[in-house]
N, C-alpha and C. Protein backbone atom coordinates (compact mmCIF):
# COMPACT_ATOMS: atom_id res chain seq x y z
N UNK A 1 127.68 116.53 110.55
CA UNK A 1 126.07 116.17 109.80
C UNK A 1 126.91 115.68 108.29
N UNK A 2 126.76 115.17 107.50
CA UNK A 2 127.28 114.31 106.68
C UNK A 2 125.93 114.44 105.63
N UNK A 3 126.21 115.36 104.63
CA UNK A 3 124.99 115.83 103.28
C UNK A 3 125.36 114.18 102.59
N UNK A 4 123.83 114.27 102.54
CA UNK A 4 123.65 113.18 100.99
C UNK A 4 123.49 113.93 99.63
N UNK A 5 123.81 113.29 98.42
CA UNK A 5 123.79 113.59 96.73
C UNK A 5 122.11 114.51 96.86
N UNK A 6 121.81 115.37 96.77
CA UNK A 6 120.37 116.16 95.99
C UNK A 6 119.73 116.02 98.28
N UNK A 7 120.64 116.30 98.73
CA UNK A 7 120.04 116.96 100.68
C UNK A 7 120.74 118.45 100.35
N UNK A 8 119.98 119.21 101.12
CA UNK A 8 119.84 120.91 101.55
C UNK A 8 120.62 120.86 102.74
N UNK A 9 120.64 122.29 103.38
CA UNK A 9 120.69 122.27 104.70
C UNK A 9 119.66 122.53 105.02
N UNK A 10 119.07 122.30 106.18
CA UNK A 10 117.45 122.33 106.47
C UNK A 10 117.78 123.49 107.12
N UNK A 11 116.49 124.50 106.34
CA UNK A 11 116.57 125.80 107.53
C UNK A 11 116.31 125.87 108.45
N UNK A 12 117.29 126.46 109.54
CA UNK A 12 117.38 127.20 111.15
C UNK A 12 116.60 127.81 111.89
N UNK A 13 116.58 129.41 110.63
CA UNK A 13 116.12 130.49 111.53
C UNK A 13 114.61 130.18 112.61
N UNK A 14 114.42 129.50 112.53
CA UNK A 14 113.03 129.05 113.87
C UNK A 14 113.73 128.34 114.72
N UNK A 15 114.48 127.09 114.23
CA UNK A 15 114.51 125.93 115.04
C UNK A 15 116.03 125.81 115.40
N UNK A 16 115.63 124.69 116.75
CA UNK A 16 116.92 124.95 117.44
C UNK A 16 117.78 123.53 116.59
N UNK A 17 119.34 124.00 116.91
CA UNK A 17 120.12 123.25 115.92
C UNK A 17 120.50 121.83 115.63
N UNK A 18 120.01 121.74 117.46
CA UNK A 18 119.49 119.57 117.21
C UNK A 18 118.27 119.51 116.87
N UNK A 19 117.40 119.45 116.73
CA UNK A 19 116.33 119.72 116.05
C UNK A 19 116.40 118.71 114.95
N UNK A 20 115.39 117.53 114.97
CA UNK A 20 115.26 116.47 113.79
C UNK A 20 114.49 117.47 112.71
N UNK A 21 114.72 117.68 111.73
CA UNK A 21 113.50 117.79 110.65
C UNK A 21 112.01 117.90 110.61
N UNK A 22 111.83 116.60 111.14
CA UNK A 22 110.02 116.20 111.52
C UNK A 22 109.14 116.94 112.13
N UNK A 23 109.84 116.95 113.73
CA UNK A 23 110.10 117.34 113.97
C UNK A 23 110.02 119.00 113.77
N UNK A 24 110.56 120.00 113.27
CA UNK A 24 110.44 120.93 112.66
C UNK A 24 109.25 121.22 111.50
N UNK A 25 109.56 120.12 110.03
CA UNK A 25 108.24 120.46 109.72
C UNK A 25 107.30 119.99 110.20
N UNK A 26 106.77 119.38 110.96
CA UNK A 26 105.34 119.27 111.58
C UNK A 26 104.71 120.05 112.60
N UNK A 27 106.05 120.83 113.24
CA UNK A 27 105.52 122.07 113.83
C UNK A 27 104.88 122.61 113.95
N UNK A 28 103.17 123.05 114.62
CA UNK A 28 102.58 123.55 113.91
C UNK A 28 103.05 125.59 113.55
N UNK A 29 103.96 125.30 114.26
CA UNK A 29 104.73 127.49 113.92
C UNK A 29 105.14 127.15 112.78
N UNK A 30 105.47 125.81 112.10
CA UNK A 30 106.23 125.48 110.61
C UNK A 30 106.34 126.95 109.96
N UNK A 31 105.24 127.22 109.47
CA UNK A 31 104.50 127.84 108.15
C UNK A 31 104.40 129.33 108.85
N UNK A 32 104.71 129.34 110.19
CA UNK A 32 104.51 131.09 110.89
C UNK A 32 105.10 132.48 110.36
N UNK A 33 104.49 133.45 110.57
CA UNK A 33 105.29 134.37 109.28
C UNK A 33 105.56 133.99 107.57
N UNK A 34 104.96 133.31 107.25
CA UNK A 34 105.35 132.71 105.59
C UNK A 34 105.43 134.00 104.82
N UNK A 35 104.23 134.68 105.10
CA UNK A 35 104.18 136.42 103.58
C UNK A 35 105.35 137.08 104.00
N UNK A 36 105.97 136.89 105.06
CA UNK A 36 107.29 138.01 105.07
C UNK A 36 108.41 137.51 105.48
N UNK A 37 108.50 135.86 104.49
CA UNK A 37 109.37 135.35 104.41
C UNK A 37 109.97 135.38 103.02
N UNK A 38 111.53 135.83 103.39
CA UNK A 38 111.82 135.95 101.74
C UNK A 38 111.58 134.34 101.15
N UNK A 39 111.33 134.64 98.94
CA UNK A 39 111.18 133.74 98.98
C UNK A 39 111.94 132.59 98.34
N UNK A 40 113.47 133.04 98.89
CA UNK A 40 114.22 131.41 98.82
C UNK A 40 114.15 131.06 100.43
N UNK A 41 113.91 131.37 101.06
CA UNK A 41 113.26 130.94 102.31
C UNK A 41 112.01 129.85 102.22
N UNK A 42 111.60 130.39 102.29
CA UNK A 42 109.63 129.54 101.29
C UNK A 42 110.22 128.15 100.50
N UNK A 43 110.99 128.64 99.31
CA UNK A 43 111.48 127.85 98.74
C UNK A 43 112.22 126.49 99.38
N UNK A 44 112.86 126.85 100.04
CA UNK A 44 114.46 125.79 101.33
C UNK A 44 113.06 125.35 102.10
N UNK A 45 111.94 125.73 102.88
CA UNK A 45 111.15 125.29 103.08
C UNK A 45 110.53 123.88 102.90
N UNK A 46 109.71 124.48 101.40
CA UNK A 46 109.27 124.08 100.97
C UNK A 46 110.13 122.53 100.42
N UNK A 47 111.31 122.86 99.95
CA UNK A 47 112.66 121.17 99.46
C UNK A 47 112.20 120.34 100.35
N UNK A 48 112.69 121.09 101.93
CA UNK A 48 112.60 120.36 103.09
C UNK A 48 111.79 119.50 103.39
N UNK A 49 110.38 120.08 103.44
CA UNK A 49 108.72 119.30 103.21
C UNK A 49 108.99 118.22 101.91
N UNK A 50 109.96 118.33 100.90
CA UNK A 50 109.65 117.40 99.41
C UNK A 50 110.44 116.23 100.74
N UNK A 51 111.29 117.04 100.92
CA UNK A 51 112.71 115.95 101.68
C UNK A 51 112.29 115.14 102.67
N UNK A 52 111.52 115.38 103.56
CA UNK A 52 110.79 114.32 104.38
C UNK A 52 109.51 113.92 104.39
N UNK A 53 108.25 113.73 102.92
CA UNK A 53 107.54 113.33 102.49
C UNK A 53 107.91 112.18 101.63
N UNK A 54 109.43 112.16 100.82
CA UNK A 54 110.06 110.63 100.93
C UNK A 54 110.18 110.17 101.66
N UNK A 55 110.66 110.88 102.37
CA UNK A 55 111.64 109.87 103.76
C UNK A 55 109.98 109.07 104.23
N UNK A 56 108.86 109.94 104.63
CA UNK A 56 108.07 109.47 105.02
C UNK A 56 107.07 108.16 104.59
N UNK A 57 106.97 108.67 102.67
CA UNK A 57 106.65 107.52 102.26
C UNK A 57 107.10 106.51 102.15
N UNK A 58 108.57 106.27 101.30
CA UNK A 58 109.74 105.70 101.74
C UNK A 58 109.09 104.50 103.61
N UNK A 59 109.08 105.53 104.19
CA UNK A 59 108.57 104.42 106.23
C UNK A 59 107.76 103.96 105.68
N UNK A 60 106.37 104.17 105.26
CA UNK A 60 105.29 104.06 105.58
C UNK A 60 104.79 102.34 104.57
N UNK A 61 105.35 102.98 103.21
CA UNK A 61 105.71 101.17 101.97
C UNK A 61 106.05 100.07 102.97
N UNK A 62 107.96 100.90 103.38
CA UNK A 62 108.29 99.27 104.13
C UNK A 62 107.32 99.03 105.25
N UNK A 63 106.74 99.52 106.31
CA UNK A 63 105.81 99.22 107.06
C UNK A 63 104.27 98.73 106.98
N UNK A 64 103.95 99.17 105.50
CA UNK A 64 102.91 98.43 104.96
C UNK A 64 103.19 96.90 104.49
N UNK A 65 104.11 96.78 104.05
CA UNK A 65 104.79 95.82 103.76
C UNK A 65 104.94 94.58 104.53
N UNK A 66 105.73 94.62 105.98
CA UNK A 66 105.60 94.44 106.94
C UNK A 66 103.95 94.05 107.68
N UNK A 67 103.28 95.18 107.58
CA UNK A 67 102.19 94.60 108.20
C UNK A 67 101.10 93.41 107.40
N UNK A 68 101.57 93.49 105.90
CA UNK A 68 100.71 92.85 105.14
C UNK A 68 101.69 91.52 105.79
N UNK A 69 103.32 91.41 105.95
CA UNK A 69 103.86 89.82 106.78
C UNK A 69 103.22 89.27 107.74
N UNK A 70 103.14 89.88 108.57
CA UNK A 70 102.45 89.76 110.07
C UNK A 70 101.32 89.02 109.96
N UNK A 71 100.06 89.75 109.03
CA UNK A 71 99.03 89.41 108.90
C UNK A 71 99.34 88.75 108.31
N UNK A 72 99.76 87.98 107.00
CA UNK A 72 99.65 87.06 106.19
C UNK A 72 99.90 85.62 107.55
N UNK A 73 101.38 85.63 108.29
CA UNK A 73 101.50 85.02 109.04
C UNK A 73 100.51 84.38 110.54
N UNK A 74 99.52 85.33 110.10
CA UNK A 74 98.57 85.42 111.12
C UNK A 74 97.74 84.62 110.68
N UNK A 75 97.39 84.84 109.54
CA UNK A 75 96.12 84.41 108.93
C UNK A 75 96.35 82.73 108.39
N UNK A 76 97.60 82.77 108.62
CA UNK A 76 98.46 81.23 107.92
C UNK A 76 98.33 80.72 108.72
N UNK A 77 98.32 81.15 110.74
CA UNK A 77 98.16 80.14 111.30
C UNK A 77 96.37 80.15 111.93
N UNK A 78 95.84 80.58 111.62
CA UNK A 78 94.79 80.73 111.39
C UNK A 78 93.87 79.78 111.08
N UNK A 79 94.42 79.55 109.49
CA UNK A 79 93.85 78.48 108.92
C UNK A 79 94.57 77.63 109.10
N UNK A 80 95.60 76.82 109.99
CA UNK A 80 96.36 75.83 110.16
C UNK A 80 96.99 75.83 108.56
N UNK A 81 97.08 76.24 107.90
CA UNK A 81 98.52 76.05 106.52
C UNK A 81 99.78 75.36 107.21
N UNK A 82 100.44 74.32 106.63
CA UNK A 82 101.93 73.84 107.01
C UNK A 82 102.25 75.20 106.69
N UNK A 83 102.40 75.69 105.20
CA UNK A 83 103.66 76.42 104.48
C UNK A 83 103.89 77.28 104.79
N UNK A 84 105.14 77.25 104.59
CA UNK A 84 105.73 78.52 105.50
C UNK A 84 105.22 79.82 105.06
N UNK A 85 105.66 80.52 105.75
CA UNK A 85 105.53 82.39 105.15
C UNK A 85 106.07 82.19 103.80
N UNK A 86 107.57 81.82 103.88
CA UNK A 86 108.08 82.24 102.38
C UNK A 86 108.25 82.09 101.43
N UNK A 87 107.22 81.09 101.08
CA UNK A 87 106.94 80.44 99.73
C UNK A 87 105.60 81.40 99.60
N UNK A 88 105.24 82.40 99.94
CA UNK A 88 103.98 82.95 99.49
C UNK A 88 104.51 85.11 99.74
N UNK A 89 105.99 85.32 100.39
CA UNK A 89 106.08 86.70 100.25
C UNK A 89 105.99 87.32 99.01
N UNK A 90 106.62 86.33 97.37
CA UNK A 90 106.00 86.82 96.69
C UNK A 90 104.74 87.67 96.23
N UNK A 91 104.34 86.55 96.26
CA UNK A 91 102.62 86.88 96.13
C UNK A 91 102.15 88.19 97.59
N UNK A 92 102.24 87.98 98.74
CA UNK A 92 101.81 88.79 99.11
C UNK A 92 102.42 90.26 99.50
N UNK A 93 103.34 90.62 99.00
CA UNK A 93 103.58 91.82 98.68
C UNK A 93 103.89 92.46 96.96
N UNK A 94 103.39 91.62 96.57
CA UNK A 94 103.21 91.93 94.87
C UNK A 94 102.13 92.80 94.82
N UNK A 95 101.73 93.63 95.68
CA UNK A 95 101.31 95.01 94.34
C UNK A 95 101.74 96.08 94.46
N UNK A 96 102.06 96.95 94.13
CA UNK A 96 102.64 97.98 93.16
C UNK A 96 102.41 98.95 94.23
N UNK A 97 103.81 99.75 94.96
CA UNK A 97 103.50 100.70 96.23
C UNK A 97 103.20 102.24 94.96
N UNK A 98 101.97 102.99 95.62
CA UNK A 98 101.75 104.65 94.76
C UNK A 98 103.20 104.94 94.87
N UNK A 99 103.00 105.91 93.75
CA UNK A 99 104.95 106.84 94.13
C UNK A 99 104.03 107.67 94.97
N UNK A 100 105.45 108.78 95.37
CA UNK A 100 104.57 109.71 96.49
C UNK A 100 104.50 110.81 95.77
N UNK A 101 104.09 111.68 95.48
CA UNK A 101 103.52 112.80 95.01
C UNK A 101 105.14 113.54 94.85
N UNK A 102 105.99 113.94 95.64
CA UNK A 102 106.65 114.62 95.43
C UNK A 102 108.60 113.94 95.04
N UNK A 103 108.19 112.73 94.66
CA UNK A 103 109.44 112.11 94.49
C UNK A 103 109.97 112.46 93.03
N UNK A 104 111.57 113.02 93.28
CA UNK A 104 112.08 112.64 92.44
C UNK A 104 112.25 114.53 91.89
N UNK A 105 111.40 115.27 93.45
CA UNK A 105 111.29 116.40 92.35
C UNK A 105 112.74 117.43 93.88
N UNK A 106 112.79 116.72 94.44
CA UNK A 106 114.22 117.77 95.72
C UNK A 106 115.53 116.61 95.58
N UNK A 107 115.35 115.07 95.55
CA UNK A 107 116.10 114.20 95.93
C UNK A 107 115.55 112.70 96.31
N UNK A 108 116.09 112.20 97.48
CA UNK A 108 115.32 110.62 97.34
C UNK A 108 116.15 110.43 98.78
N UNK A 109 115.04 109.82 100.01
CA UNK A 109 114.99 109.53 100.81
C UNK A 109 116.54 108.22 100.70
N UNK A 110 117.48 108.03 101.56
CA UNK A 110 118.26 107.20 101.44
C UNK A 110 118.41 106.34 102.60
N UNK A 111 117.23 104.98 103.11
CA UNK A 111 117.86 104.59 104.28
C UNK A 111 118.82 104.26 104.80
N UNK A 112 119.85 104.28 104.26
CA UNK A 112 121.18 103.67 105.09
C UNK A 112 122.23 104.58 105.39
N UNK A 113 121.44 106.07 105.58
CA UNK A 113 122.51 107.08 106.05
C UNK A 113 121.54 107.43 107.08
N UNK A 114 122.64 107.39 108.32
CA UNK A 114 122.27 107.17 109.68
C UNK A 114 121.44 108.57 109.91
N UNK A 115 121.41 110.31 109.69
CA UNK A 115 120.54 111.01 110.30
C UNK A 115 119.10 111.25 110.14
N UNK A 116 119.38 111.48 111.43
CA UNK A 116 117.81 111.80 112.15
C UNK A 116 116.81 110.44 112.23
N UNK A 117 117.91 109.22 112.81
CA UNK A 117 117.19 108.00 113.21
C UNK A 117 116.45 108.20 114.22
N UNK A 118 114.57 107.28 114.19
CA UNK A 118 113.65 107.51 114.49
C UNK A 118 113.07 106.65 114.96
N UNK A 119 112.34 106.24 116.16
CA UNK A 119 111.78 104.90 116.76
C UNK A 119 111.44 104.69 115.61
N UNK A 120 110.87 104.25 114.30
CA UNK A 120 110.02 104.10 113.75
C UNK A 120 111.37 103.11 112.70
N UNK A 121 112.40 103.70 112.43
CA UNK A 121 113.51 102.97 112.05
C UNK A 121 113.92 101.49 112.12
N UNK A 122 114.11 101.39 113.84
CA UNK A 122 113.99 100.22 114.04
C UNK A 122 113.44 98.83 113.56
N UNK A 123 112.04 99.44 112.50
CA UNK A 123 111.28 98.41 111.84
C UNK A 123 110.90 98.46 110.60
N UNK A 124 112.70 99.18 109.98
CA UNK A 124 112.59 98.69 108.45
C UNK A 124 114.04 97.77 108.24
N UNK A 125 114.50 97.54 109.89
CA UNK A 125 115.28 96.60 109.30
C UNK A 125 115.37 95.48 109.42
N UNK A 126 114.43 95.33 110.31
CA UNK A 126 113.30 93.60 109.74
C UNK A 126 113.83 92.46 110.45
N UNK A 127 114.77 92.48 111.77
CA UNK A 127 115.01 91.51 112.82
C UNK A 127 113.56 90.69 112.77
N UNK A 128 112.63 91.19 113.64
CA UNK A 128 111.59 90.30 114.07
C UNK A 128 111.05 89.54 112.72
N UNK A 129 110.91 90.50 111.71
CA UNK A 129 110.42 89.80 110.79
C UNK A 129 110.86 88.12 110.03
N UNK A 130 112.30 88.67 110.62
CA UNK A 130 112.67 86.88 110.05
C UNK A 130 112.50 85.95 111.25
N UNK A 131 112.13 86.65 111.86
CA UNK A 131 111.33 85.35 112.85
C UNK A 131 109.66 84.75 112.94
N UNK A 132 108.97 85.65 111.75
CA UNK A 132 107.48 85.76 112.65
C UNK A 132 107.18 84.15 112.53
N UNK A 133 107.76 83.20 111.89
CA UNK A 133 106.99 81.99 112.27
C UNK A 133 107.49 81.77 113.09
N UNK A 134 108.61 82.44 114.05
CA UNK A 134 108.95 81.20 115.60
C UNK A 134 108.23 82.55 116.95
N UNK A 135 107.48 83.31 116.24
CA UNK A 135 106.99 84.44 117.23
C UNK A 135 106.14 83.11 118.06
N UNK A 136 105.79 83.25 119.67
CA UNK A 136 104.09 82.98 119.84
C UNK A 136 103.25 84.04 119.55
N UNK A 137 101.70 83.53 119.72
CA UNK A 137 100.49 84.29 119.19
C UNK A 137 100.57 84.94 119.91
N UNK A 138 101.11 85.28 120.84
CA UNK A 138 101.36 87.19 121.83
C UNK A 138 102.37 87.61 121.35
N UNK A 139 103.13 87.65 120.65
CA UNK A 139 104.22 87.92 120.48
C UNK A 139 103.67 88.58 118.81
N UNK A 140 103.65 87.90 117.93
CA UNK A 140 102.76 87.80 116.44
C UNK A 140 101.91 89.35 116.95
N UNK A 141 101.02 89.38 117.94
CA UNK A 141 99.88 90.09 117.76
C UNK A 141 100.24 91.17 118.09
N UNK A 142 101.36 91.32 119.32
CA UNK A 142 101.71 92.86 119.65
C UNK A 142 102.50 93.09 118.25
N UNK A 143 103.26 92.56 117.77
CA UNK A 143 104.39 93.37 116.52
C UNK A 143 103.57 93.82 115.69
N UNK A 144 102.05 93.32 115.39
CA UNK A 144 101.69 93.77 114.55
C UNK A 144 101.22 94.53 114.89
N UNK A 145 100.47 95.01 116.18
CA UNK A 145 99.80 95.97 116.86
C UNK A 145 101.03 97.69 116.65
N UNK A 146 101.96 96.89 116.54
CA UNK A 146 103.42 97.87 117.17
C UNK A 146 103.14 98.50 115.55
N UNK A 147 103.16 97.57 115.08
CA UNK A 147 102.79 98.04 113.79
C UNK A 147 102.01 99.21 112.84
N UNK A 148 101.12 98.62 113.09
CA UNK A 148 100.18 98.82 112.95
C UNK A 148 100.00 100.68 113.36
N UNK A 149 100.29 100.83 115.08
CA UNK A 149 100.38 102.08 115.18
C UNK A 149 101.51 102.57 115.03
N UNK A 150 102.84 102.47 114.25
CA UNK A 150 103.21 102.93 113.49
C UNK A 150 102.94 103.38 112.20
N UNK A 151 102.39 103.12 111.72
CA UNK A 151 101.96 102.88 110.66
C UNK A 151 101.13 104.42 110.23
N UNK A 152 99.95 104.28 111.69
CA UNK A 152 99.28 105.10 111.91
C UNK A 152 100.34 106.59 112.73
N UNK A 153 101.00 106.95 113.32
CA UNK A 153 102.09 108.10 113.19
C UNK A 153 102.52 108.29 112.24
N UNK A 154 103.32 107.36 111.33
CA UNK A 154 103.41 107.72 109.98
C UNK A 154 102.75 108.58 109.19
N UNK A 155 101.98 107.78 109.27
CA UNK A 155 100.84 108.43 108.28
C UNK A 155 100.33 109.91 108.42
N UNK A 156 100.33 110.63 109.48
CA UNK A 156 99.08 111.34 110.50
C UNK A 156 100.81 112.17 110.11
N UNK A 157 102.49 112.26 110.06
CA UNK A 157 102.99 113.04 109.95
C UNK A 157 103.44 113.29 108.43
N UNK A 158 103.25 112.47 107.92
CA UNK A 158 103.11 112.65 106.18
C UNK A 158 101.87 113.72 106.13
N UNK A 159 100.55 113.63 106.44
CA UNK A 159 99.23 114.09 106.15
C UNK A 159 99.96 115.86 106.32
N UNK A 160 100.36 116.66 107.27
CA UNK A 160 100.68 117.12 108.20
C UNK A 160 102.06 117.99 107.14
N UNK A 161 102.70 117.17 107.03
CA UNK A 161 103.79 117.57 106.03
C UNK A 161 103.48 117.77 104.34
N UNK A 162 101.93 117.20 104.11
CA UNK A 162 102.15 117.74 102.98
C UNK A 162 101.25 118.38 102.79
N UNK A 163 100.55 118.89 104.26
CA UNK A 163 99.79 120.29 104.11
C UNK A 163 100.64 121.51 103.89
N UNK A 164 102.33 121.62 104.85
CA UNK A 164 102.68 122.08 105.22
C UNK A 164 102.98 122.02 103.31
N UNK A 165 103.65 121.08 102.94
CA UNK A 165 103.85 120.97 101.68
C UNK A 165 103.45 122.05 100.16
N UNK A 166 101.73 121.94 100.56
CA UNK A 166 101.03 122.26 99.79
C UNK A 166 100.67 123.90 100.12
N UNK A 167 100.54 124.48 101.73
CA UNK A 167 100.99 125.98 101.83
C UNK A 167 102.01 126.50 101.18
N UNK A 168 103.43 126.45 101.16
CA UNK A 168 104.54 126.51 100.60
C UNK A 168 104.22 127.01 99.03
N UNK A 169 104.06 125.94 98.22
CA UNK A 169 103.79 125.97 97.06
C UNK A 169 102.70 126.87 96.96
N UNK A 170 101.35 126.49 97.51
CA UNK A 170 101.10 127.94 97.19
C UNK A 170 101.48 129.33 97.21
N UNK A 171 101.94 129.60 97.94
CA UNK A 171 102.66 130.59 98.63
C UNK A 171 103.43 131.01 97.90
N UNK A 172 104.42 130.62 97.09
CA UNK A 172 105.46 130.78 95.85
C UNK A 172 104.68 130.74 94.44
N UNK A 173 103.58 129.98 94.08
CA UNK A 173 102.87 129.89 92.90
C UNK A 173 102.14 131.88 93.04
N UNK A 174 101.57 132.00 94.39
CA UNK A 174 100.71 133.26 94.41
C UNK A 174 101.80 134.49 94.46
N UNK A 175 103.18 134.62 94.81
CA UNK A 175 104.10 135.73 95.00
C UNK A 175 104.23 135.62 93.08
N UNK A 176 104.79 134.85 92.56
CA UNK A 176 104.78 134.64 91.14
C UNK A 176 103.85 135.53 90.31
N UNK A 177 102.90 134.40 90.31
CA UNK A 177 101.17 135.20 89.94
C UNK A 177 101.25 136.81 90.30
N UNK A 178 101.87 137.12 91.36
CA UNK A 178 101.75 139.08 91.29
C UNK A 178 102.56 139.53 91.17
N UNK A 179 103.46 139.09 90.91
CA UNK A 179 105.06 139.56 90.36
C UNK A 179 105.68 139.70 91.64
N UNK A 180 105.15 139.77 92.60
CA UNK A 180 106.65 139.39 93.89
C UNK A 180 107.77 138.67 93.46
N UNK A 181 107.96 137.73 93.19
CA UNK A 181 108.70 137.04 92.91
C UNK A 181 108.45 136.32 91.13
N UNK A 182 110.43 135.86 91.53
CA UNK A 182 110.42 135.69 89.59
C UNK A 182 110.69 134.18 89.47
N UNK A 183 111.00 133.48 88.33
CA UNK A 183 110.67 132.12 88.03
C UNK A 183 111.60 132.03 88.84
N UNK A 184 112.56 132.39 88.98
CA UNK A 184 114.04 131.46 89.27
C UNK A 184 113.84 131.66 91.27
N UNK A 185 113.23 132.46 91.47
CA UNK A 185 112.75 132.41 93.07
C UNK A 185 111.99 131.67 93.39
N UNK A 186 111.04 130.79 92.34
CA UNK A 186 109.98 129.64 92.59
C UNK A 186 110.75 128.45 92.31
N UNK A 187 111.36 128.35 91.40
CA UNK A 187 111.77 126.89 91.23
C UNK A 187 113.32 126.57 92.18
N UNK A 188 113.09 125.50 92.65
CA UNK A 188 114.48 124.72 92.94
C UNK A 188 115.60 125.08 92.20
N UNK A 189 116.43 125.67 92.75
CA UNK A 189 118.22 126.02 92.12
C UNK A 189 118.77 124.64 92.13
């Protein structure tokens, strides 16, 4: 697997070789034996969570935009407006996305990299979005329901990753405060 700039090798101590990062970092056992792990491993796990959080945040923003577009098309049809959805895209998507809590700390998510393909990734590609006005009412409703379901799953995954990230950061800070770890052990290199 080719590494992108800013990406780190995934900690594999407790994971099977082919397991996706999202599966590792959301696994309930991800934080098992945390107190016994070396600071470098705790830092690597934290950094892995940061990278996954950036990916999930990006995916959520894309899904939110697609949900907004699908809902706008649904509302346009219900209101009987004849204007094309394309005319309203700028105003539909004009809200500024909230920044990710940990963006910029370890690297970034590059959606063009093929690693870790997921079911949600096909939604980013937008092939259905280009056909929104041509979808039947039922197809539009199904597409919107699928987007909402996927966003719920991604949001739950992100919640778990953030909880793990907070626990890992707390562990490193605690070790630094009690003198069992140096600042070099805590800070990403």
